[in-house]
Amino acid sequence: MTFATSYSYSDRSIFDLKTLLEALRFIIVNSILAFIFLFLIIEEFEWVIFSSREEIKDKVVDDSSWNLKTLI
């Protein structure tokens, strides 16, 4: 191997602008998704607590195509 064909790792910057922006985008998008799912989970717990206090008995019928009972 000659010096002309070898790659020197000191020439490449590890923290370039593109990598930094991709990492920031990844963190921001996943933080927004985590925030949304947190509120969805809180809403589910809130409904369970509310319906048990008010003694609400809802019967849910799921006729969607991804229902496990219709798939099996």
C-alpha atoms as a PDB file:
ATOM      1  CA  MET A   1       0.000   0.000   0.000  1.00  0.00           C
ATOM      2  CA  THR A   2       1.380   3.341  -0.971  1.00  0.00           C
ATOM      3  CA  PHE A   3       0.745   6.725   0.548  1.00  0.00           C
ATOM      4  CA  ALA A   4      -1.237   7.813  -2.521  1.00  0.00           C
ATOM      5  CA  THR A   5      -3.874   5.086  -2.121  1.00  0.00           C
ATOM      6  CA  SER A   6      -4.101   4.969   1.660  1.00  0.00           C
ATOM      7  CA  TYR A   7      -6.734   6.930   3.560  1.00  0.00           C
ATOM      8  CA  SER A   8      -5.758   9.089   6.469  1.00  0.00           C
ATOM      9  CA  TYR A   9      -8.422   9.298   9.169  1.00  0.00           C
ATOM     10  CA  SER A  10      -7.036  12.580  10.442  1.00  0.00           C
ATOM     11  CA  ASP A  11      -8.144  14.248   7.173  1.00  0.00           C
ATOM     12  CA  ARG A  12     -11.841  13.605   7.806  1.00  0.00           C
ATOM     13  CA  SER A  13     -13.715  15.556  10.441  1.00  0.00           C
ATOM     14  CA  ILE A  14     -15.951  13.342  12.567  1.00  0.00           C
ATOM     15  CA  PHE A  15     -18.333  16.119  13.621  1.00  0.00           C
ATOM     16  CA  ASP A  16     -19.194  17.809  10.360  1.00  0.00           C
ATOM     17  CA  LEU A  17     -22.288  19.956   9.875  1.00  0.00           C
ATOM     18  CA  LYS A  18     -24.286  17.295   7.999  1.00  0.00           C
ATOM     19  CA  THR A  19     -23.842  14.695  10.742  1.00  0.00           C
ATOM     20  CA  LEU A  20     -24.727  17.223  13.420  1.00  0.00           C
ATOM     21  CA  LEU A  21     -27.911  18.277  11.595  1.00  0.00           C
ATOM     22  CA  GLU A  22     -28.958  14.651  11.084  1.00  0.00           C
ATOM     23  CA  ALA A  23     -28.470  13.933  14.782  1.00  0.00           C
ATOM     24  CA  LEU A  24     -30.443  17.030  15.792  1.00  0.00           C
ATOM     25  CA  ARG A  25     -33.248  16.127  13.382  1.00  0.00           C
ATOM     26  CA  PHE A  26     -33.365  12.573  14.774  1.00  0.00           C
ATOM     27  CA  ILE A  27     -33.557  13.843  18.358  1.00  0.00           C
ATOM     28  CA  ILE A  28     -36.217  16.466  17.593  1.00  0.00           C
ATOM     29  CA  VAL A  29     -38.472  14.124  15.596  1.00  0.00           C
ATOM     30  CA  ASN A  30     -38.281  11.367  18.183  1.00  0.00           C
ATOM     31  CA  SER A  31     -38.915  13.850  21.003  1.00  0.00           C
ATOM     32  CA  ILE A  32     -42.071  15.063  19.274  1.00  0.00           C
ATOM     33  CA  LEU A  33     -43.264  11.488  18.753  1.00  0.00           C
ATOM     34  CA  ALA A  34     -42.524  10.604  22.376  1.00  0.00           C
ATOM     35  CA  PHE A  35     -44.473  13.668  23.526  1.00  0.00           C
ATOM     36  CA  ILE A  36     -47.485  12.661  21.396  1.00  0.00           C
ATOM     37  CA  PHE A  37     -47.430   9.065  22.627  1.00  0.00           C
ATOM     38  CA  LEU A  38     -47.112  10.262  26.223  1.00  0.00           C
ATOM     39  CA  PHE A  39     -50.327  12.249  25.888  1.00  0.00           C
ATOM     40  CA  LEU A  40     -52.070   9.309  24.227  1.00  0.00           C
ATOM     41  CA  ILE A  41     -51.086   7.042  27.111  1.00  0.00           C
ATOM     42  CA  ILE A  42     -52.191   9.627  29.679  1.00  0.00           C
ATOM     43  CA  GLU A  43     -55.530   9.948  27.860  1.00  0.00           C
ATOM     44  CA  GLU A  44     -56.034   6.172  27.980  1.00  0.00           C
ATOM     45  CA  PHE A  45     -55.331   6.058  31.719  1.00  0.00           C
ATOM     46  CA  GLU A  46     -57.595   9.053  32.281  1.00  0.00           C
ATOM     47  CA  TRP A  47     -60.458   7.355  30.436  1.00  0.00           C
ATOM     48  CA  VAL A  48     -60.051   4.158  32.467  1.00  0.00           C
ATOM     49  CA  ILE A  49     -60.140   6.090  35.732  1.00  0.00           C
ATOM     50  CA  PHE A  50     -63.078   8.263  34.628  1.00  0.00           C
ATOM     51  CA  SER A  51     -65.145   5.357  33.303  1.00  0.00           C
ATOM     52  CA  SER A  52     -64.588   3.310  36.447  1.00  0.00           C
ATOM     53  CA  ARG A  53     -65.650   6.238  38.673  1.00  0.00           C
ATOM     54  CA  GLU A  54     -68.758   6.972  36.598  1.00  0.00           C
ATOM     55  CA  GLU A  55     -69.459   3.245  36.072  1.00  0.00           C
ATOM     56  CA  ILE A  56     -69.610   3.648  32.316  1.00  0.00           C
ATOM     57  CA  LYS A  57     -69.852   0.332  30.486  1.00  0.00           C
ATOM     58  CA  ASP A  58     -68.945   0.900  26.833  1.00  0.00           C
ATOM     59  CA  LYS A  59     -69.131  -1.936  24.361  1.00  0.00           C
ATOM     60  CA  VAL A  60     -66.641  -1.399  21.548  1.00  0.00           C
ATOM     61  CA  VAL A  61     -67.178  -3.089  18.194  1.00  0.00           C
ATOM     62  CA  ASP A  62     -64.128  -3.077  15.956  1.00  0.00           C
ATOM     63  CA  ASP A  63     -64.973  -3.810  12.322  1.00  0.00           C
ATOM     64  CA  SER A  64     -61.667  -2.611  10.938  1.00  0.00           C
ATOM     65  CA  SER A  65     -59.610  -4.713   8.555  1.00  0.00           C
ATOM     66  CA  TRP A  66     -56.722  -5.076  11.022  1.00  0.00           C
ATOM     67  CA  ASN A  67     -58.844  -6.508  13.827  1.00  0.00           C
ATOM     68  CA  LEU A  68     -57.205  -9.709  15.095  1.00  0.00           C
ATOM     69  CA  LYS A  69     -60.508 -11.588  15.369  1.00  0.00           C
ATOM     70  CA  THR A  70     -61.264 -11.045  11.685  1.00  0.00           C
ATOM     71  CA  LEU A  71     -57.703 -11.937  10.642  1.00  0.00           C
ATOM     72  CA  ILE A  72     -57.711 -15.309  12.425  1.00  0.00           C
END
